[in-house]
Amino acid sequence: MPLTVDEIASLLGTRGQRQYGREAVSQLDHALQCAQLAEANGETPETVVAALLHDLGHLLAAEPDRPAPPARDDLHQYIALPFLRHLLPAAVLEPIGLHVDAKRYLCAVDPGYHGTLSPASQRSLELQGGVYSAEEAVRFIEKPFAAEAVRLRRYDDGAKVPRRPTPELPHFIRTLARVSLR
C-alpha cells in the first residue's frame, strides 16, 4: 500500500498522461505547473512537493474505462494520504488534505475569487460542499498548514495552461526524494 518515490514518479509518468478532468491539460502537466508555480514563488521544498502531489488521489482512484469526471466528489484530497504518510512529513500531507477546503475558504473570503475559477473547478466546488460560511472560514484558516493550503490552492488554479513549459518530472522528483522521510 505505501508508495515509494519511484512508484510516485511512475504513477505521474503513466496515469498522469490522462486529461485532468475537464481541463485542457493532462494530470502530469497540471502537477508540474503547480509545482513550478510554488517553486517560482519561493515556497519551501515541502510546499513544492505538496503542489506536485496535491491531486495524486485522482490518479490512484482513476478508473481506466471512465475518462469523464464523477458526478460526485471523489474526495481525492484524502485518497493519497495513506499511500504517502510513511514517506512525507505533515508539511506536505496537510496542505494536500486541505487544498479543497482552501477553495471553499477563498470563495468565502475573497469576493472575486469564484469568478477566477475554471468552469470545471466551479462545478467541483458544488460537489465538494460549496462556499464556506463565515464561521467555517474562520475555523479553516486557524488550522495548522491552512495558509500553505491557500497558497497551494492559488497555484492549483493557475496550473491549467495548455503547453506551458515546465521543468521535467525528474526535477521535482529530486525535490520529493530530498523531502521524503528516509
Protein backbone atom coordinates (compact mmCIF):
# COMPACT_ATOMS: atom_id res chain seq x y z
CA MET A 1 0.00 0.00 0.00
CA PRO A 2 2.67 2.64 0.83
CA LEU A 3 4.24 4.24 -2.25
CA THR A 4 7.94 4.80 -2.84
CA VAL A 5 9.44 7.80 -4.59
CA ASP A 6 9.99 5.65 -7.70
CA GLU A 7 6.38 4.44 -7.67
CA ILE A 8 5.11 8.02 -7.38
CA ALA A 9 7.27 9.03 -10.34
CA SER A 10 5.95 6.08 -12.35
CA LEU A 11 2.34 6.87 -11.46
CA LEU A 12 2.74 10.51 -12.51
CA GLY A 13 4.54 9.48 -15.69
CA THR A 14 1.92 6.91 -16.75
CA ARG A 15 -1.54 7.69 -15.39
CA GLY A 16 -0.55 11.34 -15.34
CA GLN A 17 -0.82 11.39 -19.13
CA ARG A 18 -4.62 11.35 -18.79
CA GLN A 19 -6.61 14.53 -19.16
CA TYR A 20 -7.10 16.48 -15.94
CA GLY A 21 -10.88 16.31 -15.56
CA ARG A 22 -12.46 18.80 -17.93
CA GLU A 23 -9.37 21.00 -18.07
CA ALA A 24 -7.22 21.45 -21.20
CA VAL A 25 -4.12 19.86 -19.64
CA SER A 26 -3.05 16.40 -18.54
CA GLN A 27 -2.80 15.40 -14.89
CA LEU A 28 1.01 15.48 -15.22
CA ASP A 29 1.03 18.92 -16.87
CA HIS A 30 -1.17 20.20 -14.05
CA ALA A 31 1.10 18.73 -11.37
CA LEU A 32 4.26 20.11 -12.99
CA GLN A 33 2.76 23.56 -13.49
CA CYS A 34 1.53 23.67 -9.91
CA ALA A 35 4.94 22.65 -8.54
CA GLN A 36 6.68 25.14 -10.82
CA LEU A 37 4.45 27.98 -9.58
CA ALA A 38 5.20 27.04 -5.96
CA GLU A 39 8.93 26.86 -6.64
CA ALA A 40 8.94 30.17 -8.55
CA ASN A 41 7.21 31.83 -5.59
CA GLY A 42 9.92 30.74 -3.18
CA GLU A 43 7.92 28.09 -1.34
CA THR A 44 9.64 25.55 0.88
CA PRO A 45 10.56 22.22 -0.71
CA GLU A 46 7.70 20.67 1.29
CA THR A 47 5.13 23.02 -0.26
CA VAL A 48 6.60 22.42 -3.72
CA VAL A 49 6.14 18.68 -3.19
CA ALA A 50 2.59 19.24 -1.89
CA ALA A 51 1.90 21.22 -5.08
CA LEU A 52 3.27 18.37 -7.20
CA LEU A 53 1.26 15.68 -5.40
CA HIS A 54 -1.94 17.52 -4.40
CA ASP A 55 -4.06 15.65 -6.98
CA LEU A 56 -2.33 12.27 -6.73
CA GLY A 57 -5.59 10.91 -5.32
CA HIS A 58 -7.18 11.40 -8.74
CA LEU A 59 -4.56 9.08 -10.24
CA LEU A 60 -4.93 6.48 -7.51
CA ALA A 61 -8.73 6.46 -7.82
CA ALA A 62 -8.87 6.64 -11.62
CA GLU A 63 -10.86 4.01 -13.42
CA PRO A 64 -9.24 3.28 -16.80
CA ASP A 65 -12.52 2.91 -18.65
CA ARG A 66 -14.14 6.07 -17.26
CA PRO A 67 -12.47 9.25 -18.51
CA ALA A 68 -15.33 11.59 -17.52
CA PRO A 69 -15.24 13.15 -14.04
CA PRO A 70 -17.63 11.69 -11.49
CA ALA A 71 -20.99 13.24 -10.67
CA ARG A 72 -19.99 13.21 -7.00
CA ASP A 73 -16.98 14.35 -5.01
CA ASP A 74 -14.27 11.69 -5.17
CA LEU A 75 -12.54 13.04 -2.02
CA HIS A 76 -9.24 12.90 -3.92
CA GLN A 77 -7.57 15.16 -1.35
CA TYR A 78 -7.69 12.29 1.15
CA ILE A 79 -7.15 9.24 -1.07
CA ALA A 80 -3.39 9.66 -1.47
CA LEU A 81 -2.64 10.38 2.19
CA PRO A 82 -2.44 6.75 3.42
CA PHE A 83 -0.11 5.97 0.50
CA LEU A 84 2.19 8.89 1.41
CA ARG A 85 2.01 9.09 5.21
CA HIS A 86 5.05 6.86 5.82
CA LEU A 87 7.12 8.82 3.28
CA LEU A 88 6.36 12.51 3.76
CA PRO A 89 6.07 14.98 6.66
CA ALA A 90 2.95 16.82 7.76
CA ALA A 91 4.20 19.94 5.94
CA VAL A 92 3.46 18.06 2.69
CA LEU A 93 0.47 15.97 3.73
CA GLU A 94 -1.62 18.63 5.47
CA PRO A 95 -1.73 21.11 2.57
CA ILE A 96 -2.71 18.24 0.26
CA GLY A 97 -5.53 17.27 2.60
CA LEU A 98 -6.68 20.90 2.92
CA HIS A 99 -6.43 22.16 -0.67
CA VAL A 100 -10.11 21.52 -1.50
CA ASP A 101 -11.24 23.26 1.67
CA ALA A 102 -8.91 26.13 0.74
CA LYS A 103 -11.02 26.69 -2.39
CA ARG A 104 -14.17 26.78 -0.26
CA TYR A 105 -12.40 29.23 2.08
CA LEU A 106 -11.20 31.53 -0.69
CA CYS A 107 -14.71 31.69 -2.16
CA ALA A 108 -15.95 32.83 1.26
CA VAL A 109 -13.31 35.49 1.96
CA ASP A 110 -12.38 36.82 -1.49
CA PRO A 111 -15.41 38.21 -3.35
CA GLY A 112 -13.76 37.92 -6.77
CA TYR A 113 -12.20 34.51 -6.32
CA HIS A 114 -15.13 32.38 -7.52
CA GLY A 115 -15.10 34.20 -10.84
CA THR A 116 -11.46 33.27 -11.41
CA LEU A 117 -12.16 29.54 -11.15
CA SER A 118 -12.32 27.48 -14.32
CA PRO A 119 -15.79 26.17 -15.18
CA ALA A 120 -14.69 22.66 -14.13
CA SER A 121 -13.45 23.97 -10.77
CA GLN A 122 -16.71 25.86 -10.23
CA ARG A 123 -18.64 22.62 -10.86
CA SER A 124 -16.45 20.63 -8.50
CA LEU A 125 -16.87 23.30 -5.79
CA GLU A 126 -20.55 22.42 -5.54
CA LEU A 127 -19.74 18.69 -5.32
CA GLN A 128 -17.19 19.48 -2.61
CA GLY A 129 -19.67 21.20 -0.31
CA GLY A 130 -19.87 24.73 -1.73
CA VAL A 131 -18.66 28.01 -0.29
CA TYR A 132 -17.81 28.10 3.42
CA SER A 133 -19.91 30.14 5.81
CA ALA A 134 -18.06 32.91 7.68
CA GLU A 135 -17.78 30.65 10.73
CA GLU A 136 -16.44 27.73 8.70
CA ALA A 137 -13.89 30.04 7.05
CA VAL A 138 -12.57 31.16 10.44
CA ARG A 139 -12.28 27.57 11.66
CA PHE A 140 -10.46 26.57 8.48
CA ILE A 141 -7.81 29.30 8.46
CA GLU A 142 -6.92 28.58 12.10
CA LYS A 143 -5.82 25.02 11.23
CA PRO A 144 -2.13 24.17 11.01
CA PHE A 145 -0.91 24.42 7.39
CA ALA A 146 -4.07 26.24 6.24
CA ALA A 147 -2.00 29.19 4.96
CA GLU A 148 0.13 26.80 2.90
CA ALA A 149 -3.02 25.14 1.58
CA VAL A 150 -4.41 28.51 0.50
CA ARG A 151 -1.21 29.30 -1.41
CA LEU A 152 -1.26 25.80 -2.89
CA ARG A 153 -4.85 26.40 -3.99
CA ARG A 154 -3.80 29.54 -5.86
CA TYR A 155 -1.04 27.61 -7.64
CA ASP A 156 -3.57 24.87 -8.41
CA ASP A 157 -5.89 27.43 -10.02
CA GLY A 158 -3.07 28.82 -12.16
CA ALA A 159 -1.77 25.44 -13.28
CA LYS A 160 -4.16 24.72 -16.13
CA VAL A 161 -2.43 26.39 -19.09
CA PRO A 162 -2.08 24.24 -22.22
CA ARG A 163 1.53 23.79 -23.42
CA ARG A 164 3.08 25.90 -20.63
CA PRO A 165 6.77 24.96 -20.42
CA THR A 166 7.86 23.48 -17.09
CA PRO A 167 10.84 21.60 -15.75
CA GLU A 168 10.59 17.88 -16.48
CA LEU A 169 9.25 15.46 -13.86
CA PRO A 170 12.74 14.32 -12.66
CA HIS A 171 13.44 17.88 -11.46
CA PHE A 172 10.56 17.68 -8.98
CA ILE A 173 11.13 14.02 -8.15
CA ARG A 174 14.57 15.05 -6.86
CA THR A 175 12.83 17.54 -4.55
CA LEU A 176 10.41 14.80 -3.48
CA ALA A 177 13.32 12.49 -2.69
CA ARG A 178 15.02 15.18 -0.57
CA VAL A 179 11.83 15.87 1.38
CA SER A 180 10.86 12.24 1.89
CA LEU A 181 11.32 10.67 5.27
CA ARG A 182 14.17 8.24 4.84
